[in-house]
Amino acid sequence: MPRAQPHRPQASRRSRWVMALAALVLVVATVLAMWHHRPLPLRLAPGAAVVDVDIAPGMAAGAIAQALHDAGVEVPVTVLQLWLRWSGRARELKAGAYEIAPGTTPAQLLDKLVRGEQALRRVTLVEGWTVRDVVRTLRRAEDLVDDLPPGDDPVTLAHVLGLPSGHAEGWFFPDTYIYPKRGRASAVLRQASAAMQERLTAAWAQRAPDLPLRSPDEALILASLIEKETGHDADRALIAGVFVNRLRIGMRLQTDPSVIYGLGEAFDGNLRRRDLIADTPYNTYTRAGLPPTPIAMPGWASLLAAVQPARTPALYFVARGDGTSAFSRTLDEHNRAVRRYQLQR
């Protein structure tokens, strides 16, 4: 007769432990799955509508869990860390500044962090603005950290940003820029400077062959004068043509916006005769050629006009008062236009 197999209580106990552990894992997985689709409990700061959290580059799952908890996600750090690891996507999370709104579920938050859907803001820089206008706007922009040097000196700003021009005026392209919540103003300016360099390079590559400009920097200066002289697109190339004609024959540009720029804070809104004869590096009535730097931010239309000026016999222009300009070949014609449009005679 075959021998009876000995009773193995140890194997039986092991089996029960395995079954119990499997049941526990199933329960935990079920609870996590249910929790994954329920709104997170949030602790909002007084007056806040969302929880703000910053994820730094290179953060591990434990550090991200701690950051979420510290920011206001009222879930134990251990649970958050377990959730991130259980998701299998912890290494896909992207650094950035995020907003967590009430009602957000763990599933939605995980998706947001994986896609890198940061809290974004925007700021618009406008054609014709000066560095002073730009800095003032950035300092008022929503959720933008002001890390710029005190004041609005273009030379200091160029040094801080590392601009090769050594003078920041005109070197920011007018456009709308997107930045992350709690981003830095200097980052916006570096983006705007890179955009201007790109547009200027593109414009310079399309320049007319006989252009009396020696470099892209000079094209930018001329474009800034055009930008300040008119907002009428049809007149830009003609105004550029007048300035180019004057540069070719050595005639002074005599452009009021450059004089006004040179006056700085001393300008009270009324340009007087004494201002036109008071010599500054920017007084194009007393000095020949282009001013030493741009006087404002030109847009693409002005950049293109500067390098592709209209072929015109005109040497003069005057504002009509409706946004357009009247162009003249001779001083007599110009004086008649001034009397008609400026002096109302």
C-alpha atoms as a PDB file:
ATOM      1  CA  MET A   1       0.000   0.000   0.000  1.00  0.00           C
ATOM      2  CA  PRO A   2       1.228   3.506  -0.781  1.00  0.00           C
ATOM      3  CA  ARG A   3       2.179   5.549   2.120  1.00  0.00           C
ATOM      4  CA  ALA A   4      -0.130   8.371   3.144  1.00  0.00           C
ATOM      5  CA  GLN A   5       1.278  11.813   2.359  1.00  0.00           C
ATOM      6  CA  PRO A   6       2.243  13.722   5.459  1.00  0.00           C
ATOM      7  CA  HIS A   7       0.118  16.664   6.407  1.00  0.00           C
ATOM      8  CA  ARG A   8       1.749  19.975   5.453  1.00  0.00           C
ATOM      9  CA  PRO A   9       0.248  22.752   7.565  1.00  0.00           C
ATOM     10  CA  GLN A  10       3.080  25.143   6.604  1.00  0.00           C
ATOM     11  CA  ALA A  11       2.181  25.007   2.899  1.00  0.00           C
ATOM     12  CA  SER A  12      -1.451  25.551   3.768  1.00  0.00           C
ATOM     13  CA  ARG A  13      -0.603  28.591   5.859  1.00  0.00           C
ATOM     14  CA  ARG A  14       1.566  29.977   3.052  1.00  0.00           C
ATOM     15  CA  SER A  15      -1.294  29.590   0.638  1.00  0.00           C
ATOM     16  CA  ARG A  16      -3.624  31.424   2.979  1.00  0.00           C
ATOM     17  CA  TRP A  17      -1.096  34.239   3.346  1.00  0.00           C
ATOM     18  CA  VAL A  18      -0.760  34.538  -0.417  1.00  0.00           C
ATOM     19  CA  MET A  19      -4.520  34.679  -0.808  1.00  0.00           C
ATOM     20  CA  ALA A  20      -4.817  37.267   1.957  1.00  0.00           C
ATOM     21  CA  LEU A  21      -2.068  39.371   0.407  1.00  0.00           C
ATOM     22  CA  ALA A  22      -3.726  39.148  -2.998  1.00  0.00           C
ATOM     23  CA  ALA A  23      -7.019  40.218  -1.459  1.00  0.00           C
ATOM     24  CA  LEU A  24      -5.307  43.139   0.268  1.00  0.00           C
ATOM     25  CA  VAL A  25      -3.649  44.234  -2.964  1.00  0.00           C
ATOM     26  CA  LEU A  26      -7.001  44.006  -4.703  1.00  0.00           C
ATOM     27  CA  VAL A  27      -8.645  46.120  -2.025  1.00  0.00           C
ATOM     28  CA  VAL A  28      -5.859  48.721  -2.170  1.00  0.00           C
ATOM     29  CA  ALA A  29      -6.006  48.794  -5.962  1.00  0.00           C
ATOM     30  CA  THR A  30      -9.783  49.198  -5.861  1.00  0.00           C
ATOM     31  CA  VAL A  31      -9.570  51.998  -3.320  1.00  0.00           C
ATOM     32  CA  LEU A  32      -6.858  53.775  -5.338  1.00  0.00           C
ATOM     33  CA  ALA A  33      -8.891  53.362  -8.524  1.00  0.00           C
ATOM     34  CA  MET A  34     -11.943  54.895  -6.860  1.00  0.00           C
ATOM     35  CA  TRP A  35      -9.860  57.660  -5.295  1.00  0.00           C
ATOM     36  CA  HIS A  36      -8.215  58.313  -8.658  1.00  0.00           C
ATOM     37  CA  HIS A  37     -11.491  59.683 -10.019  1.00  0.00           C
ATOM     38  CA  ARG A  38     -12.725  61.649  -7.012  1.00  0.00           C
ATOM     39  CA  PRO A  39     -11.978  65.366  -6.460  1.00  0.00           C
ATOM     40  CA  LEU A  40      -8.858  66.049  -4.434  1.00  0.00           C
ATOM     41  CA  PRO A  41      -9.308  67.797  -1.086  1.00  0.00           C
ATOM     42  CA  LEU A  42      -7.608  71.188  -1.407  1.00  0.00           C
ATOM     43  CA  ARG A  43      -6.510  73.799   1.111  1.00  0.00           C
ATOM     44  CA  LEU A  44      -6.903  77.189  -0.567  1.00  0.00           C
ATOM     45  CA  ALA A  45      -5.006  80.232   0.628  1.00  0.00           C
ATOM     46  CA  PRO A  46      -7.198  83.187   1.710  1.00  0.00           C
ATOM     47  CA  GLY A  47      -8.651  84.835  -1.381  1.00  0.00           C
ATOM     48  CA  ALA A  48      -7.188  82.195  -3.732  1.00  0.00           C
ATOM     49  CA  ALA A  49      -9.288  80.305  -6.265  1.00  0.00           C
ATOM     50  CA  VAL A  50      -6.682  77.639  -7.021  1.00  0.00           C
ATOM     51  CA  VAL A  51      -3.753  75.841  -5.432  1.00  0.00           C
ATOM     52  CA  ASP A  52      -0.404  76.861  -6.914  1.00  0.00           C
ATOM     53  CA  VAL A  53       2.390  74.317  -7.089  1.00  0.00           C
ATOM     54  CA  ASP A  54       5.857  74.491  -8.625  1.00  0.00           C
ATOM     55  CA  ILE A  55       7.537  71.344  -9.888  1.00  0.00           C
ATOM     56  CA  ALA A  56      11.279  71.827 -10.242  1.00  0.00           C
ATOM     57  CA  PRO A  57      13.314  70.041 -12.923  1.00  0.00           C
ATOM     58  CA  GLY A  58      14.604  66.641 -11.841  1.00  0.00           C
ATOM     59  CA  MET A  59      12.178  66.184  -8.936  1.00  0.00           C
ATOM     60  CA  ALA A  60      11.626  62.543  -7.893  1.00  0.00           C
ATOM     61  CA  ALA A  61       8.166  61.175  -7.077  1.00  0.00           C
ATOM     62  CA  GLY A  62       8.685  61.677  -3.340  1.00  0.00           C
ATOM     63  CA  ALA A  63       9.674  65.308  -3.775  1.00  0.00           C
ATOM     64  CA  ILE A  64       6.721  65.970  -6.095  1.00  0.00           C
ATOM     65  CA  ALA A  65       4.360  64.367  -3.571  1.00  0.00           C
ATOM     66  CA  GLN A  66       5.795  66.617  -0.852  1.00  0.00           C
ATOM     67  CA  ALA A  67       5.451  69.696  -3.084  1.00  0.00           C
ATOM     68  CA  LEU A  68       1.801  68.873  -3.817  1.00  0.00           C
ATOM     69  CA  HIS A  69       1.056  68.372  -0.124  1.00  0.00           C
ATOM     70  CA  ASP A  70       2.859  71.572   0.936  1.00  0.00           C
ATOM     71  CA  ALA A  71       1.031  73.556  -1.755  1.00  0.00           C
ATOM     72  CA  GLY A  72      -2.395  72.562  -0.431  1.00  0.00           C
ATOM     73  CA  VAL A  73      -3.332  69.073  -1.645  1.00  0.00           C
ATOM     74  CA  GLU A  74      -4.654  67.637   1.624  1.00  0.00           C
ATOM     75  CA  VAL A  75      -3.603  64.050   1.051  1.00  0.00           C
ATOM     76  CA  PRO A  76      -0.840  62.349   3.055  1.00  0.00           C
ATOM     77  CA  VAL A  77       2.529  62.516   1.330  1.00  0.00           C
ATOM     78  CA  THR A  78       2.851  58.736   1.499  1.00  0.00           C
ATOM     79  CA  VAL A  79      -0.450  58.286  -0.358  1.00  0.00           C
ATOM     80  CA  LEU A  80       0.543  60.840  -3.008  1.00  0.00           C
ATOM     81  CA  GLN A  81       3.897  59.162  -3.486  1.00  0.00           C
ATOM     82  CA  LEU A  82       2.255  55.729  -3.733  1.00  0.00           C
ATOM     83  CA  TRP A  83      -0.233  57.105  -6.254  1.00  0.00           C
ATOM     84  CA  LEU A  84       2.493  58.567  -8.466  1.00  0.00           C
ATOM     85  CA  ARG A  85       4.478  55.352  -8.465  1.00  0.00           C
ATOM     86  CA  TRP A  86       1.370  53.189  -8.925  1.00  0.00           C
ATOM     87  CA  SER A  87       0.452  55.250 -11.988  1.00  0.00           C
ATOM     88  CA  GLY A  88       3.668  54.177 -13.722  1.00  0.00           C
ATOM     89  CA  ARG A  89       4.062  57.712 -15.104  1.00  0.00           C
ATOM     90  CA  ALA A  90       6.118  59.381 -12.394  1.00  0.00           C
ATOM     91  CA  ARG A  91       9.083  59.825 -14.732  1.00  0.00           C
ATOM     92  CA  GLU A  92       6.891  61.542 -17.344  1.00  0.00           C
ATOM     93  CA  LEU A  93       5.939  64.454 -15.108  1.00  0.00           C
ATOM     94  CA  LYS A  94       7.159  67.802 -16.411  1.00  0.00           C
ATOM     95  CA  ALA A  95       8.581  70.678 -14.432  1.00  0.00           C
ATOM     96  CA  GLY A  96       6.675  73.944 -14.312  1.00  0.00           C
ATOM     97  CA  ALA A  97       4.164  76.146 -12.510  1.00  0.00           C
ATOM     98  CA  TYR A  98       0.729  74.551 -12.174  1.00  0.00           C
ATOM     99  CA  GLU A  99      -2.718  75.511 -10.913  1.00  0.00           C
ATOM    100  CA  ILE A 100      -5.010  72.944  -9.272  1.00  0.00           C
ATOM    101  CA  ALA A 101      -8.619  74.051  -9.307  1.00  0.00           C
ATOM    102  CA  PRO A 102     -11.289  72.739  -6.908  1.00  0.00           C
ATOM    103  CA  GLY A 103     -12.922  69.637  -8.372  1.00  0.00           C
ATOM    104  CA  THR A 104      -9.695  68.383  -9.943  1.00  0.00           C
ATOM    105  CA  THR A 105      -9.325  64.600  -9.635  1.00  0.00           C
ATOM    106  CA  PRO A 106      -5.991  62.775  -9.246  1.00  0.00           C
ATOM    107  CA  ALA A 107      -6.474  61.422 -12.783  1.00  0.00           C
ATOM    108  CA  GLN A 108      -6.878  64.951 -14.162  1.00  0.00           C
ATOM    109  CA  LEU A 109      -3.937  66.259 -12.155  1.00  0.00           C
ATOM    110  CA  LEU A 110      -1.699  63.435 -13.356  1.00  0.00           C
ATOM    111  CA  ASP A 111      -2.727  64.122 -16.944  1.00  0.00           C
ATOM    112  CA  LYS A 112      -1.982  67.836 -16.486  1.00  0.00           C
ATOM    113  CA  LEU A 113       1.488  67.129 -15.065  1.00  0.00           C
ATOM    114  CA  VAL A 114       2.345  64.613 -17.791  1.00  0.00           C
ATOM    115  CA  ARG A 115       1.254  66.968 -20.582  1.00  0.00           C
ATOM    116  CA  GLY A 116       3.014  69.915 -18.953  1.00  0.00           C
ATOM    117  CA  GLU A 117      -0.115  72.073 -18.918  1.00  0.00           C
ATOM    118  CA  GLN A 118       1.380  74.920 -16.946  1.00  0.00           C
ATOM    119  CA  ALA A 119      -0.512  77.960 -15.713  1.00  0.00           C
ATOM    120  CA  LEU A 120       0.252  80.499 -18.426  1.00  0.00           C
ATOM    121  CA  ARG A 121      -0.063  84.253 -18.652  1.00  0.00           C
ATOM    122  CA  ARG A 122       0.472  86.674 -21.520  1.00  0.00           C
ATOM    123  CA  VAL A 123       1.774  90.180 -22.026  1.00  0.00           C
ATOM    124  CA  THR A 124       1.691  92.348 -25.157  1.00  0.00           C
ATOM    125  CA  LEU A 125       4.470  94.697 -26.259  1.00  0.00           C
ATOM    126  CA  VAL A 126       3.241  97.322 -28.726  1.00  0.00           C
ATOM    127  CA  GLU A 127       4.883  98.819 -31.824  1.00  0.00           C
ATOM    128  CA  GLY A 128       6.437 102.199 -31.115  1.00  0.00           C
ATOM    129  CA  TRP A 129       6.978 101.591 -27.408  1.00  0.00           C
ATOM    130  CA  THR A 130      10.246 102.563 -25.763  1.00  0.00           C
ATOM    131  CA  VAL A 131      12.196 100.609 -23.157  1.00  0.00           C
ATOM    132  CA  ARG A 132      10.481 102.722 -20.519  1.00  0.00           C
ATOM    133  CA  ASP A 133       7.050 101.602 -21.776  1.00  0.00           C
ATOM    134  CA  VAL A 134       8.138  97.967 -21.923  1.00  0.00           C
ATOM    135  CA  VAL A 135       9.597  97.887 -18.411  1.00  0.00           C
ATOM    136  CA  ARG A 136       6.547  99.645 -16.962  1.00  0.00           C
ATOM    137  CA  THR A 137       4.245  97.097 -18.621  1.00  0.00           C
ATOM    138  CA  LEU A 138       6.251  94.091 -17.439  1.00  0.00           C
ATOM    139  CA  ARG A 139       6.264  95.381 -13.882  1.00  0.00           C
ATOM    140  CA  ARG A 140       2.472  95.535 -14.004  1.00  0.00           C
ATOM    141  CA  ALA A 141       2.014  92.179 -15.768  1.00  0.00           C
ATOM    142  CA  GLU A 142       0.021  89.474 -14.020  1.00  0.00           C
ATOM    143  CA  ASP A 143       2.040  86.930 -12.016  1.00  0.00           C
ATOM    144  CA  LEU A 144       5.361  88.014 -13.563  1.00  0.00           C
ATOM    145  CA  VAL A 145       8.388  88.202 -11.261  1.00  0.00           C
ATOM    146  CA  ASP A 146      10.232  91.506 -11.607  1.00  0.00           C
ATOM    147  CA  ASP A 147      13.901  90.520 -11.739  1.00  0.00           C
ATOM    148  CA  LEU A 148      14.934  93.537 -13.824  1.00  0.00           C
ATOM    149  CA  PRO A 149      17.453  96.106 -12.587  1.00  0.00           C
ATOM    150  CA  PRO A 150      16.004  99.210 -10.895  1.00  0.00           C
ATOM    151  CA  GLY A 151      14.882 101.939 -13.274  1.00  0.00           C
ATOM    152  CA  ASP A 152      14.635 101.603 -17.037  1.00  0.00           C
ATOM    153  CA  ASP A 153      18.069 102.610 -18.349  1.00  0.00           C
ATOM    154  CA  PRO A 154      18.582 100.937 -21.776  1.00  0.00           C
ATOM    155  CA  VAL A 155      22.342 100.541 -21.259  1.00  0.00           C
ATOM    156  CA  THR A 156      21.976  98.849 -17.869  1.00  0.00           C
ATOM    157  CA  LEU A 157      19.206  96.621 -19.197  1.00  0.00           C
ATOM    158  CA  ALA A 158      21.297  95.587 -22.195  1.00  0.00           C
ATOM    159  CA  HIS A 159      24.176  94.680 -19.875  1.00  0.00           C
ATOM    160  CA  VAL A 160      21.973  92.598 -17.567  1.00  0.00           C
ATOM    161  CA  LEU A 161      20.346  90.758 -20.487  1.00  0.00           C
ATOM    162  CA  GLY A 162      23.636  90.310 -22.318  1.00  0.00           C
ATOM    163  CA  LEU A 163      22.463  92.115 -25.471  1.00  0.00           C
ATOM    164  CA  PRO A 164      25.345  92.524 -27.949  1.00  0.00           C
ATOM    165  CA  SER A 165      24.087  95.967 -28.994  1.00  0.00           C
ATOM    166  CA  GLY A 166      24.995  97.435 -25.588  1.00  0.00           C
ATOM    167  CA  HIS A 167      21.755  99.475 -25.711  1.00  0.00           C
ATOM    168  CA  ALA A 168      18.349  97.865 -25.260  1.00  0.00           C
ATOM    169  CA  GLU A 169      16.235 100.491 -27.025  1.00  0.00           C
ATOM    170  CA  GLY A 170      14.421  99.033 -30.031  1.00  0.00           C
ATOM    171  CA  TRP A 171      15.779  95.514 -29.553  1.00  0.00           C
ATOM    172  CA  PHE A 172      12.531  93.886 -28.382  1.00  0.00           C
ATOM    173  CA  PHE A 173      10.082  92.745 -31.030  1.00  0.00           C
ATOM    174  CA  PRO A 174       6.512  93.980 -30.448  1.00  0.00           C
ATOM    175  CA  ASP A 175       4.282  90.941 -30.031  1.00  0.00           C
ATOM    176  CA  THR A 176       2.253  88.987 -27.459  1.00  0.00           C
ATOM    177  CA  TYR A 177       4.424  86.751 -25.285  1.00  0.00           C
ATOM    178  CA  ILE A 178       3.331  83.742 -23.237  1.00  0.00           C
ATOM    179  CA  TYR A 179       5.039  83.013 -19.934  1.00  0.00           C
ATOM    180  CA  PRO A 180       4.456  80.599 -17.053  1.00  0.00           C
ATOM    181  CA  LYS A 181       2.836  81.872 -13.878  1.00  0.00           C
ATOM    182  CA  ARG A 182       5.570  83.325 -11.668  1.00  0.00           C
ATOM    183  CA  GLY A 183       7.884  83.479 -14.683  1.00  0.00           C
ATOM    184  CA  ARG A 184      10.628  86.100 -14.847  1.00  0.00           C
ATOM    185  CA  ALA A 185      10.465  89.424 -16.677  1.00  0.00           C
ATOM    186  CA  SER A 186      14.032  88.951 -17.901  1.00  0.00           C
ATOM    187  CA  ALA A 187      12.976  85.710 -19.642  1.00  0.00           C
ATOM    188  CA  VAL A 188      10.212  87.567 -21.511  1.00  0.00           C
ATOM    189  CA  LEU A 189      12.694  90.218 -22.631  1.00  0.00           C
ATOM    190  CA  ARG A 190      15.214  87.635 -23.795  1.00  0.00           C
ATOM    191  CA  GLN A 191      12.449  85.996 -25.819  1.00  0.00           C
ATOM    192  CA  ALA A 192      11.455  89.377 -27.305  1.00  0.00           C
ATOM    193  CA  SER A 193      15.096  90.204 -28.075  1.00  0.00           C
ATOM    194  CA  ALA A 194      15.622  86.880 -29.843  1.00  0.00           C
ATOM    195  CA  ALA A 195      12.442  87.532 -31.848  1.00  0.00           C
ATOM    196  CA  MET A 196      13.700  90.977 -32.910  1.00  0.00           C
ATOM    197  CA  GLN A 197      17.069  89.567 -33.945  1.00  0.00           C
ATOM    198  CA  GLU A 198      15.300  86.908 -36.014  1.00  0.00           C
ATOM    199  CA  ARG A 199      13.003  89.442 -37.737  1.00  0.00           C
ATOM    200  CA  LEU A 200      15.843  91.900 -38.329  1.00  0.00           C
ATOM    201  CA  THR A 201      18.000  89.189 -39.904  1.00  0.00           C
ATOM    202  CA  ALA A 202      15.097  88.184 -42.146  1.00  0.00           C
ATOM    203  CA  ALA A 203      14.460  91.790 -43.188  1.00  0.00           C
ATOM    204  CA  TRP A 204      18.149  92.521 -43.834  1.00  0.00           C
ATOM    205  CA  ALA A 205      18.316  89.498 -46.149  1.00  0.00           C
ATOM    206  CA  GLN A 206      15.629  91.183 -48.296  1.00  0.00           C
ATOM    207  CA  ARG A 207      17.290  94.619 -48.458  1.00  0.00           C
ATOM    208  CA  ALA A 208      17.447  96.639 -51.673  1.00  0.00           C
ATOM    209  CA  PRO A 209      20.856  96.396 -53.370  1.00  0.00           C
ATOM    210  CA  ASP A 210      21.601 100.149 -53.309  1.00  0.00           C
ATOM    211  CA  LEU A 211      20.522 100.797 -49.719  1.00  0.00           C
ATOM    212  CA  PRO A 212      22.704 103.453 -47.991  1.00  0.00           C
ATOM    213  CA  LEU A 213      22.774 101.462 -44.747  1.00  0.00           C
ATOM    214  CA  ARG A 214      25.900  99.660 -43.572  1.00  0.00           C
ATOM    215  CA  SER A 215      24.457  97.092 -41.184  1.00  0.00           C
ATOM    216  CA  PRO A 216      21.294  95.508 -39.769  1.00  0.00           C
ATOM    217  CA  ASP A 217      21.751  97.777 -36.719  1.00  0.00           C
ATOM    218  CA  GLU A 218      21.345 100.845 -38.938  1.00  0.00           C
ATOM    219  CA  ALA A 219      18.274  99.283 -40.541  1.00  0.00           C
ATOM    220  CA  LEU A 220      16.776  98.863 -37.070  1.00  0.00           C
ATOM    221  CA  ILE A 221      17.458 102.520 -36.248  1.00  0.00           C
ATOM    222  CA  LEU A 222      15.809 103.657 -39.483  1.00  0.00           C
ATOM    223  CA  ALA A 223      12.861 101.345 -38.890  1.00  0.00           C
ATOM    224  CA  SER A 224      12.334 102.869 -35.442  1.00  0.00           C
ATOM    225  CA  LEU A 225      12.141 106.357 -36.981  1.00  0.00           C
ATOM    226  CA  ILE A 226       9.584 105.120 -39.516  1.00  0.00           C
ATOM    227  CA  GLU A 227       7.562 103.477 -36.741  1.00  0.00           C
ATOM    228  CA  LYS A 228       7.339 106.722 -34.777  1.00  0.00           C
ATOM    229  CA  GLU A 229       6.564 108.859 -37.831  1.00  0.00           C
ATOM    230  CA  THR A 230       3.479 106.993 -39.013  1.00  0.00           C
ATOM    231  CA  GLY A 231       0.947 104.340 -38.161  1.00  0.00           C
ATOM    232  CA  HIS A 232      -0.357 104.289 -41.736  1.00  0.00           C
ATOM    233  CA  ASP A 233       0.936 101.212 -43.529  1.00  0.00           C
ATOM    234  CA  ALA A 234       0.725 102.736 -47.008  1.00  0.00           C
ATOM    235  CA  ASP A 235       3.054 105.587 -45.978  1.00  0.00           C
ATOM    236  CA  ARG A 236       5.838 103.563 -44.368  1.00  0.00           C
ATOM    237  CA  ALA A 237       7.816 102.802 -47.529  1.00  0.00           C
ATOM    238  CA  LEU A 238       7.407 106.392 -48.755  1.00  0.00           C
ATOM    239  CA  ILE A 239       8.704 107.815 -45.477  1.00  0.00           C
ATOM    240  CA  ALA A 240      11.591 105.365 -45.695  1.00  0.00           C
ATOM    241  CA  GLY A 241      12.199 106.637 -49.225  1.00  0.00           C
ATOM    242  CA  VAL A 242      12.404 110.231 -47.983  1.00  0.00           C
ATOM    243  CA  PHE A 243      14.883 109.313 -45.246  1.00  0.00           C
ATOM    244  CA  VAL A 244      16.985 107.231 -47.663  1.00  0.00           C
ATOM    245  CA  ASN A 245      17.029 110.093 -50.180  1.00  0.00           C
ATOM    246  CA  ARG A 246      18.291 112.440 -47.479  1.00  0.00           C
ATOM    247  CA  LEU A 247      20.942 109.982 -46.313  1.00  0.00           C
ATOM    248  CA  ARG A 248      22.218 109.631 -49.882  1.00  0.00           C
ATOM    249  CA  ILE A 249      22.769 113.370 -50.348  1.00  0.00           C
ATOM    250  CA  GLY A 250      23.930 114.093 -46.799  1.00  0.00           C
ATOM    251  CA  MET A 251      20.784 116.053 -45.897  1.00  0.00           C
ATOM    252  CA  ARG A 252      19.796 116.019 -42.228  1.00  0.00           C
ATOM    253  CA  LEU A 253      16.829 113.808 -41.424  1.00  0.00           C
ATOM    254  CA  GLN A 254      15.059 116.441 -39.287  1.00  0.00           C
ATOM    255  CA  THR A 255      12.684 113.977 -37.680  1.00  0.00           C
ATOM    256  CA  ASP A 256      10.856 115.224 -34.586  1.00  0.00           C
ATOM    257  CA  PRO A 257      10.438 111.833 -32.829  1.00  0.00           C
ATOM    258  CA  SER A 258      14.214 111.478 -32.584  1.00  0.00           C
ATOM    259  CA  VAL A 259      14.528 114.947 -31.058  1.00  0.00           C
ATOM    260  CA  ILE A 260      11.793 114.098 -28.559  1.00  0.00           C
ATOM    261  CA  TYR A 261      13.568 110.878 -27.627  1.00  0.00           C
ATOM    262  CA  GLY A 262      16.765 112.816 -26.979  1.00  0.00           C
ATOM    263  CA  LEU A 263      14.933 115.218 -24.665  1.00  0.00           C
ATOM    264  CA  GLY A 264      13.886 112.311 -22.451  1.00  0.00           C
ATOM    265  CA  GLU A 265      11.891 113.264 -19.380  1.00  0.00           C
ATOM    266  CA  ALA A 266      12.444 116.956 -20.173  1.00  0.00           C
ATOM    267  CA  PHE A 267       9.892 116.683 -22.994  1.00  0.00           C
ATOM    268  CA  ASP A 268       6.569 118.050 -21.753  1.00  0.00           C
ATOM    269  CA  GLY A 269       4.458 117.127 -24.775  1.00  0.00           C
ATOM    270  CA  ASN A 270       5.118 120.347 -26.692  1.00  0.00           C
ATOM    271  CA  LEU A 271       8.090 120.456 -29.082  1.00  0.00           C
ATOM    272  CA  ARG A 272       9.414 124.027 -29.244  1.00  0.00           C
ATOM    273  CA  ARG A 273      11.903 125.769 -31.512  1.00  0.00           C
ATOM    274  CA  ARG A 274      14.455 125.839 -28.715  1.00  0.00           C
ATOM    275  CA  ASP A 275      14.225 122.046 -28.575  1.00  0.00           C
ATOM    276  CA  LEU A 276      15.013 121.778 -32.274  1.00  0.00           C
ATOM    277  CA  ILE A 277      18.217 123.778 -31.912  1.00  0.00           C
ATOM    278  CA  ALA A 278      19.375 122.259 -28.613  1.00  0.00           C
ATOM    279  CA  ASP A 279      22.044 119.753 -29.638  1.00  0.00           C
ATOM    280  CA  THR A 280      21.821 116.152 -28.381  1.00  0.00           C
ATOM    281  CA  PRO A 281      23.064 112.921 -29.997  1.00  0.00           C
ATOM    282  CA  TYR A 282      19.461 112.360 -31.103  1.00  0.00           C
ATOM    283  CA  ASN A 283      18.812 115.817 -32.575  1.00  0.00           C
ATOM    284  CA  THR A 284      18.542 115.106 -36.287  1.00  0.00           C
ATOM    285  CA  TYR A 285      18.144 118.850 -36.946  1.00  0.00           C
ATOM    286  CA  THR A 286      21.624 119.615 -35.614  1.00  0.00           C
ATOM    287  CA  ARG A 287      23.376 116.358 -36.587  1.00  0.00           C
ATOM    288  CA  ALA A 288      23.596 114.547 -39.908  1.00  0.00           C
ATOM    289  CA  GLY A 289      22.920 110.856 -40.392  1.00  0.00           C
ATOM    290  CA  LEU A 290      21.030 108.417 -38.227  1.00  0.00           C
ATOM    291  CA  PRO A 291      20.733 108.799 -34.442  1.00  0.00           C
ATOM    292  CA  PRO A 292      23.095 106.561 -32.422  1.00  0.00           C
ATOM    293  CA  THR A 293      20.448 103.996 -31.424  1.00  0.00           C
ATOM    294  CA  PRO A 294      16.844 103.087 -32.217  1.00  0.00           C
ATOM    295  CA  ILE A 295      14.278 105.312 -30.526  1.00  0.00           C
ATOM    296  CA  ALA A 296      11.487 102.713 -30.167  1.00  0.00           C
ATOM    297  CA  MET A 297      10.428  99.170 -31.076  1.00  0.00           C
ATOM    298  CA  PRO A 298       9.568  98.879 -34.785  1.00  0.00           C
ATOM    299  CA  GLY A 299       7.172  96.253 -36.044  1.00  0.00           C
ATOM    300  CA  TRP A 300       7.697  94.017 -39.054  1.00  0.00           C
ATOM    301  CA  ALA A 301       6.098  96.500 -41.494  1.00  0.00           C
ATOM    302  CA  SER A 302       8.562  99.225 -40.491  1.00  0.00           C
ATOM    303  CA  LEU A 303      11.525  96.824 -40.627  1.00  0.00           C
ATOM    304  CA  LEU A 304      10.580  95.835 -44.148  1.00  0.00           C
ATOM    305  CA  ALA A 305      10.021  99.461 -45.206  1.00  0.00           C
ATOM    306  CA  ALA A 306      13.477 100.408 -43.915  1.00  0.00           C
ATOM    307  CA  VAL A 307      15.203  97.869 -46.165  1.00  0.00           C
ATOM    308  CA  GLN A 308      12.810  98.208 -49.105  1.00  0.00           C
ATOM    309  CA  PRO A 309      12.096 101.958 -49.305  1.00  0.00           C
ATOM    310  CA  ALA A 310       9.845 103.289 -52.027  1.00  0.00           C
ATOM    311  CA  ARG A 311      11.565 104.921 -54.978  1.00  0.00           C
ATOM    312  CA  THR A 312      10.323 108.481 -54.690  1.00  0.00           C
ATOM    313  CA  PRO A 313      11.652 111.937 -55.589  1.00  0.00           C
ATOM    314  CA  ALA A 314      10.265 113.312 -52.316  1.00  0.00           C
ATOM    315  CA  LEU A 315      12.573 114.883 -49.749  1.00  0.00           C
ATOM    316  CA  TYR A 316       9.874 116.128 -47.380  1.00  0.00           C
ATOM    317  CA  PHE A 317       6.685 114.938 -45.726  1.00  0.00           C
ATOM    318  CA  VAL A 318       4.196 116.381 -43.285  1.00  0.00           C
ATOM    319  CA  ALA A 319       1.328 114.835 -41.335  1.00  0.00           C
ATOM    320  CA  ARG A 320      -2.101 115.630 -42.724  1.00  0.00           C
ATOM    321  CA  GLY A 321      -3.776 115.166 -39.371  1.00  0.00           C
ATOM    322  CA  ASP A 322      -5.737 112.066 -40.374  1.00  0.00           C
ATOM    323  CA  GLY A 323      -2.919 109.570 -39.891  1.00  0.00           C
ATOM    324  CA  THR A 324      -1.539 109.946 -43.426  1.00  0.00           C
ATOM    325  CA  SER A 325       1.286 112.143 -44.743  1.00  0.00           C
ATOM    326  CA  ALA A 326       1.715 114.545 -47.657  1.00  0.00           C
ATOM    327  CA  PHE A 327       4.988 114.164 -49.593  1.00  0.00           C
ATOM    328  CA  SER A 328       6.851 116.925 -51.437  1.00  0.00           C
ATOM    329  CA  ARG A 329       9.856 117.146 -53.728  1.00  0.00           C
ATOM    330  CA  THR A 330      10.836 120.737 -53.003  1.00  0.00           C
ATOM    331  CA  LEU A 331      10.944 122.983 -49.964  1.00  0.00           C
ATOM    332  CA  ASP A 332       8.361 125.325 -51.511  1.00  0.00           C
ATOM    333  CA  GLU A 333       5.930 122.443 -51.993  1.00  0.00           C
ATOM    334  CA  HIS A 334       6.616 121.307 -48.446  1.00  0.00           C
ATOM    335  CA  ASN A 335       6.002 124.758 -46.979  1.00  0.00           C
ATOM    336  CA  ARG A 336       2.654 124.936 -48.800  1.00  0.00           C
ATOM    337  CA  ALA A 337       1.741 121.532 -47.365  1.00  0.00           C
ATOM    338  CA  VAL A 338       2.739 122.676 -43.872  1.00  0.00           C
ATOM    339  CA  ARG A 339       0.538 125.767 -44.188  1.00  0.00           C
ATOM    340  CA  ARG A 340      -2.358 123.668 -45.410  1.00  0.00           C
ATOM    341  CA  TYR A 341      -2.201 120.761 -42.979  1.00  0.00           C
ATOM    342  CA  GLN A 342      -0.399 122.151 -39.942  1.00  0.00           C
ATOM    343  CA  LEU A 343      -1.126 125.880 -39.877  1.00  0.00           C
ATOM    344  CA  GLN A 344      -4.587 125.599 -41.462  1.00  0.00           C
ATOM    345  CA  ARG A 345      -3.957 128.476 -43.886  1.00  0.00           C
END
